[in-house]
PDB file of N, CA and C in Angstrom:
ATOM      1  N   MET A   1       8.357  -2.445   5.404  1.00  0.00           N
ATOM      2  CA  MET A   1       7.728  -3.500   5.747  1.00  0.00           C
ATOM      3  C   MET A   1       7.947  -4.469   5.506  1.00  0.00           C
ATOM      4  N   ILE A   2       7.944  -5.603   6.617  1.00  0.00           N
ATOM      5  CA  ILE A   2       8.375  -6.919   6.395  1.00  0.00           C
ATOM      6  C   ILE A   2       7.199  -7.955   6.259  1.00  0.00           C
ATOM      7  N   GLU A   3       7.294  -8.740   5.477  1.00  0.00           N
ATOM      8  CA  GLU A   3       5.858  -9.810   5.157  1.00  0.00           C
ATOM      9  C   GLU A   3       6.743 -10.844   5.379  1.00  0.00           C
ATOM     10  N   GLY A   4       5.793 -11.973   6.150  1.00  0.00           N
ATOM     11  CA  GLY A   4       5.888 -13.515   6.226  1.00  0.00           C
ATOM     12  C   GLY A   4       5.020 -13.962   7.099  1.00  0.00           C
ATOM     13  N   PRO A   5       5.191 -14.944   7.636  1.00  0.00           N
ATOM     14  CA  PRO A   5       4.464 -15.827   7.962  1.00  0.00           C
ATOM     15  C   PRO A   5       3.868 -15.595   9.699  1.00  0.00           C
ATOM     16  N   PRO A   6       2.994 -15.720   9.962  1.00  0.00           N
ATOM     17  CA  PRO A   6       2.577 -15.423  11.807  1.00  0.00           C
ATOM     18  C   PRO A   6       3.563 -15.932  12.445  1.00  0.00           C
ATOM     19  N   ARG A   7       3.946 -15.466  13.662  1.00  0.00           N
ATOM     20  CA  ARG A   7       4.876 -15.649  14.345  1.00  0.00           C
ATOM     21  C   ARG A   7       4.589 -15.160  16.015  1.00  0.00           C
ATOM     22  N   ASP A   8       5.316 -15.808  16.878  1.00  0.00           N
ATOM     23  CA  ASP A   8       5.174 -15.215  18.074  1.00  0.00           C
ATOM     24  C   ASP A   8       5.575 -13.907  18.711  1.00  0.00           C
ATOM     25  N   VAL A   9       5.219 -13.169  19.551  1.00  0.00           N
ATOM     26  CA  VAL A   9       5.447 -11.808  19.687  1.00  0.00           C
ATOM     27  C   VAL A   9       7.284 -11.589  20.071  1.00  0.00           C
ATOM     28  N   GLU A  10       7.784 -12.956  20.597  1.00  0.00           N
ATOM     29  CA  GLU A  10       9.108 -12.819  20.992  1.00  0.00           C
ATOM     30  C   GLU A  10      10.102 -12.791  19.898  1.00  0.00           C
ATOM     31  N   THR A  11       9.509 -13.474  18.702  1.00  0.00           N
ATOM     32  CA  THR A  11      10.122 -13.643  17.404  1.00  0.00           C
ATOM     33  C   THR A  11       9.958 -12.341  16.784  1.00  0.00           C
ATOM     34  N   LYS A  12       8.894 -11.569  16.829  1.00  0.00           N
ATOM     35  CA  LYS A  12       8.525 -10.227  16.153  1.00  0.00           C
ATOM     36  C   LYS A  12       9.764  -8.919  16.750  1.00  0.00           C
ATOM     37  N   ARG A  13      10.031  -9.263  18.279  1.00  0.00           N
ATOM     38  CA  ARG A  13      10.518  -8.474  19.334  1.00  0.00           C
ATOM     39  C   ARG A  13      11.986  -8.073  18.351  1.00  0.00           C
ATOM     40  N   LYS A  14      12.370  -9.667  18.265  1.00  0.00           N
ATOM     41  CA  LYS A  14      13.786 -10.027  17.684  1.00  0.00           C
ATOM     42  C   LYS A  14      13.865  -9.422  16.463  1.00  0.00           C
ATOM     43  N   LEU A  15      13.128  -9.863  15.766  1.00  0.00           N
ATOM     44  CA  LEU A  15      13.254  -9.250  14.186  1.00  0.00           C
ATOM     45  C   LEU A  15      13.283  -7.835  14.121  1.00  0.00           C
ATOM     46  N   VAL A  16      12.442  -7.101  14.764  1.00  0.00           N
ATOM     47  CA  VAL A  16      12.334  -5.510  14.758  1.00  0.00           C
ATOM     48  C   VAL A  16      13.671  -5.118  15.391  1.00  0.00           C
ATOM     49  N   LYS A  17      14.337  -5.457  16.567  1.00  0.00           N
ATOM     50  CA  LYS A  17      15.527  -5.115  17.162  1.00  0.00           C
ATOM     51  C   LYS A  17      16.874  -5.498  16.036  1.00  0.00           C
ATOM     52  N   GLN A  18      16.799  -6.699  15.530  1.00  0.00           N
ATOM     53  CA  GLN A  18      17.979  -6.847  14.525  1.00  0.00           C
ATOM     54  C   GLN A  18      17.690  -6.133  13.208  1.00  0.00           C
ATOM     55  N   PHE A  19      16.506  -6.083  12.740  1.00  0.00           N
ATOM     56  CA  PHE A  19      16.523  -5.190  11.324  1.00  0.00           C
ATOM     57  C   PHE A  19      16.521  -3.735  11.951  1.00  0.00           C
ATOM     58  N   THR A  20      16.377  -2.948  12.836  1.00  0.00           N
ATOM     59  CA  THR A  20      16.582  -1.561  13.033  1.00  0.00           C
ATOM     60  C   THR A  20      18.206  -1.490  13.487  1.00  0.00           C
ATOM     61  N   LYS A  21      18.718  -2.425  14.203  1.00  0.00           N
ATOM     62  CA  LYS A  21      20.188  -2.364  13.983  1.00  0.00           C
ATOM     63  C   LYS A  21      20.911  -2.178  12.715  1.00  0.00           C
ATOM     64  N   ILE A  22      20.417  -3.445  11.871  1.00  0.00           N
ATOM     65  CA  ILE A  22      21.534  -3.521  10.465  1.00  0.00           C
ATOM     66  C   ILE A  22      20.961  -2.080   9.628  1.00  0.00           C
ATOM     67  N   PHE A  23      19.752  -1.707   9.655  1.00  0.00           N
ATOM     68  CA  PHE A  23      19.426  -0.541   8.933  1.00  0.00           C
ATOM     69  C   PHE A  23      19.896   0.347   9.192  1.00  0.00           C
ATOM     70  N   LYS A  24      20.401   0.893  10.535  1.00  0.00           N
ATOM     71  CA  LYS A  24      20.969   1.736  10.718  1.00  0.00           C
ATOM     72  C   LYS A  24      22.239   1.956  10.511  1.00  0.00           C
ATOM     73  N   GLU A  25      23.285   0.673  10.641  1.00  0.00           N
ATOM     74  CA  GLU A  25      24.375   0.311  10.013  1.00  0.00           C
ATOM     75  C   GLU A  25      24.488   0.363   8.788  1.00  0.00           C
ATOM     76  N   ILE A  26      23.477  -0.019   7.720  1.00  0.00           N
ATOM     77  CA  ILE A  26      23.876   0.224   6.507  1.00  0.00           C
ATOM     78  C   ILE A  26      23.434   1.537   6.242  1.00  0.00           C
ATOM     79  N   TYR A  27      22.633   2.390   6.489  1.00  0.00           N
ATOM     80  CA  TYR A  27      22.540   3.787   6.053  1.00  0.00           C
ATOM     81  C   TYR A  27      23.295   4.566   6.691  1.00  0.00           C
ATOM     82  N   GLY A  28      24.273   4.301   7.650  1.00  0.00           N
ATOM     83  CA  GLY A  28      25.024   5.215   8.516  1.00  0.00           C
ATOM     84  C   GLY A  28      24.022   6.260   9.497  1.00  0.00           C
ATOM     85  N   TYR A  29      22.882   5.754  10.074  1.00  0.00           N
ATOM     86  CA  TYR A  29      22.168   6.465  11.219  1.00  0.00           C
ATOM     87  C   TYR A  29      23.271   6.174  12.416  1.00  0.00           C
ATOM     88  N   PRO A  30      23.130   6.905  13.383  1.00  0.00           N
ATOM     89  CA  PRO A  30      23.681   6.906  14.621  1.00  0.00           C
ATOM     90  C   PRO A  30      22.726   5.750  15.256  1.00  0.00           C
ATOM     91  N   GLU A  31      23.275   5.410  16.347  1.00  0.00           N
ATOM     92  CA  GLU A  31      22.644   4.144  17.017  1.00  0.00           C
ATOM     93  C   GLU A  31      21.161   4.830  17.921  1.00  0.00           C
ATOM     94  N   ASP A  32      21.658   6.453  18.292  1.00  0.00           N
ATOM     95  CA  ASP A  32      20.689   7.139  19.035  1.00  0.00           C
ATOM     96  C   ASP A  32      19.486   7.310  18.071  1.00  0.00           C
ATOM     97  N   PHE A  33      19.696   7.354  17.147  1.00  0.00           N
ATOM     98  CA  PHE A  33      18.721   8.067  15.669  1.00  0.00           C
ATOM     99  C   PHE A  33      17.430   7.288  15.934  1.00  0.00           C
ATOM    100  N   PRO A  34      16.234   8.326  16.450  1.00  0.00           N
ATOM    101  CA  PRO A  34      15.142   8.131  17.201  1.00  0.00           C
ATOM    102  C   PRO A  34      13.760   7.474  16.680  1.00  0.00           C
ATOM    103  N   HIS A  35      14.000   7.197  15.173  1.00  0.00           N
ATOM    104  CA  HIS A  35      13.082   7.022  14.844  1.00  0.00           C
ATOM    105  C   HIS A  35      13.055   6.039  13.740  1.00  0.00           C
ATOM    106  N   ILE A  36      12.838   4.891  13.383  1.00  0.00           N
ATOM    107  CA  ILE A  36      12.778   3.750  12.561  1.00  0.00           C
ATOM    108  C   ILE A  36      11.537   2.718  12.595  1.00  0.00           C
ATOM    109  N   SER A  37      10.811   3.119  11.580  1.00  0.00           N
ATOM    110  CA  SER A  37       9.300   2.368  12.007  1.00  0.00           C
ATOM    111  C   SER A  37       9.728   0.802  11.178  1.00  0.00           C
ATOM    112  N   ILE A  38       9.352  -0.094  11.463  1.00  0.00           N
ATOM    113  CA  ILE A  38       9.009  -1.219  11.171  1.00  0.00           C
ATOM    114  C   ILE A  38       7.259  -1.720  11.261  1.00  0.00           C
ATOM    115  N   ILE A  39       6.795  -1.985   9.992  1.00  0.00           N
ATOM    116  CA  ILE A  39       5.391  -2.660   9.898  1.00  0.00           C
ATOM    117  C   ILE A  39       5.994  -4.172   9.751  1.00  0.00           C
ATOM    118  N   ILE A  40       4.731  -4.960  10.304  1.00  0.00           N
ATOM    119  CA  ILE A  40       5.174  -6.538  10.122  1.00  0.00           C
ATOM    120  C   ILE A  40       3.743  -6.656   9.538  1.00  0.00           C
ATOM    121  N   ARG A  41       3.914  -7.475   8.498  1.00  0.00           N
ATOM    122  CA  ARG A  41       2.285  -7.758   8.246  1.00  0.00           C
ATOM    123  C   ARG A  41       2.532  -9.498   7.917  1.00  0.00           C
ATOM    124  N   GLU A  42       1.545  -9.739   8.756  1.00  0.00           N
ATOM    125  CA  GLU A  42       1.657 -11.600   8.619  1.00  0.00           C
ATOM    126  C   GLU A  42       0.327 -12.135   7.376  1.00  0.00           C
ATOM    127  N   ASN A  43       0.959 -12.982   6.855  1.00  0.00           N
ATOM    128  CA  ASN A  43       0.278 -13.837   5.675  1.00  0.00           C
ATOM    129  C   ASN A  43       0.076 -14.946   6.097  1.00  0.00           C
ATOM    130  N   THR A  44      -0.933 -15.689   5.963  1.00  0.00           N
ATOM    131  CA  THR A  44      -1.162 -17.365   6.437  1.00  0.00           C
ATOM    132  C   THR A  44      -0.702 -18.064   5.019  1.00  0.00           C
ATOM    133  N   PRO A  45      -0.299 -19.131   5.084  1.00  0.00           N
ATOM    134  CA  PRO A  45      -0.090 -19.886   3.906  1.00  0.00           C
ATOM    135  C   PRO A  45      -1.171 -19.805   2.834  1.00  0.00           C
ATOM    136  N   GLU A  46      -2.528 -20.084   3.461  1.00  0.00           N
ATOM    137  CA  GLU A  46      -3.901 -19.947   2.321  1.00  0.00           C
ATOM    138  C   GLU A  46      -3.955 -18.551   1.700  1.00  0.00           C
ATOM    139  N   ASN A  47      -3.176 -17.922   2.092  1.00  0.00           N
ATOM    140  CA  ASN A  47      -3.345 -16.082   1.365  1.00  0.00           C
ATOM    141  C   ASN A  47      -2.269 -15.924   0.257  1.00  0.00           C
ATOM    142  N   VAL A  48      -1.408 -16.789   0.346  1.00  0.00           N
ATOM    143  CA  VAL A  48      -0.098 -16.200  -0.608  1.00  0.00           C
ATOM    144  C   VAL A  48      -0.054 -17.228  -1.638  1.00  0.00           C
ATOM    145  N   GLY A  49       0.386 -16.953  -2.570  1.00  0.00           N
ATOM    146  CA  GLY A  49       0.639 -17.992  -3.822  1.00  0.00           C
ATOM    147  C   GLY A  49       1.922 -17.539  -4.462  1.00  0.00           C
ATOM    148  N   ALA A  50       2.212 -18.649  -4.709  1.00  0.00           N
ATOM    149  CA  ALA A  50       3.450 -18.580  -5.637  1.00  0.00           C
ATOM    150  C   ALA A  50       3.544 -19.408  -6.697  1.00  0.00           C
ATOM    151  N   ASN A  51       4.024 -19.064  -8.023  1.00  0.00           N
ATOM    152  CA  ASN A  51       4.110 -19.442  -9.231  1.00  0.00           C
ATOM    153  C   ASN A  51       2.871 -20.435  -9.556  1.00  0.00           C
ATOM    154  N   GLY A  52       1.740 -19.892  -9.338  1.00  0.00           N
ATOM    155  CA  GLY A  52       0.439 -20.269  -9.642  1.00  0.00           C
ATOM    156  C   GLY A  52       0.129 -21.101  -8.554  1.00  0.00           C
ATOM    157  N   GLU A  53       0.545 -21.275  -7.481  1.00  0.00           N
ATOM    158  CA  GLU A  53      -0.011 -22.499  -6.300  1.00  0.00           C
ATOM    159  C   GLU A  53       0.052 -21.565  -4.964  1.00  0.00           C
ATOM    160  N   LEU A  54      -1.301 -21.948  -4.187  1.00  0.00           N
ATOM    161  CA  LEU A  54      -1.474 -21.564  -2.819  1.00  0.00           C
ATOM    162  C   LEU A  54      -0.227 -22.180  -2.097  1.00  0.00           C
ATOM    163  N   LEU A  55       0.690 -21.379  -1.120  1.00  0.00           N
ATOM    164  CA  LEU A  55       1.508 -22.006  -0.312  1.00  0.00           C
ATOM    165  C   LEU A  55       1.041 -23.168   0.479  1.00  0.00           C
ATOM    166  N   VAL A  56      -0.016 -22.868   0.946  1.00  0.00           N
ATOM    167  CA  VAL A  56      -0.589 -24.221   1.780  1.00  0.00           C
ATOM    168  C   VAL A  56      -0.626 -25.644   0.747  1.00  0.00           C
ATOM    169  N   ASP A  57      -0.990 -25.407  -0.312  1.00  0.00           N
ATOM    170  CA  ASP A  57      -0.581 -26.680  -1.088  1.00  0.00           C
ATOM    171  C   ASP A  57       0.557 -26.874  -1.281  1.00  0.00           C
ATOM    172  N   ARG A  58       1.610 -26.294  -1.224  1.00  0.00           N
ATOM    173  CA  ARG A  58       2.900 -26.716  -1.681  1.00  0.00           C
ATOM    174  C   ARG A  58       3.574 -26.989  -0.312  1.00  0.00           C
ATOM    175  N   PHE A  59       3.023 -26.513   0.725  1.00  0.00           N
ATOM    176  CA  PHE A  59       3.710 -27.471   1.811  1.00  0.00           C
ATOM    177  C   PHE A  59       3.015 -28.795   2.398  1.00  0.00           C
ATOM    178  N   LYS A  60       1.900 -29.081   1.530  1.00  0.00           N
ATOM    179  CA  LYS A  60       1.419 -30.501   1.842  1.00  0.00           C
ATOM    180  C   LYS A  60       2.333 -31.428   1.064  1.00  0.00           C
ATOM    181  N   LYS A  61       3.034 -31.143   0.001  1.00  0.00           N
ATOM    182  CA  LYS A  61       3.813 -32.232  -0.784  1.00  0.00           C
ATOM    183  C   LYS A  61       4.968 -32.375  -0.442  1.00  0.00           C
TER     184      LYS A  61
END
């Protein structure tokens, strides 16, 4: 699972393609291995906190 801010579909296509390629290389799977699942969970800055502060508030500074 990958979590991050919302992005357009083309960006997510690139992410899934590259992540799958790197995952297979590192784990030693052949290129034609048929099943690597990736779930993208999008989180808006008002729904994520870090160090006691919402990200939306940190971006305002």
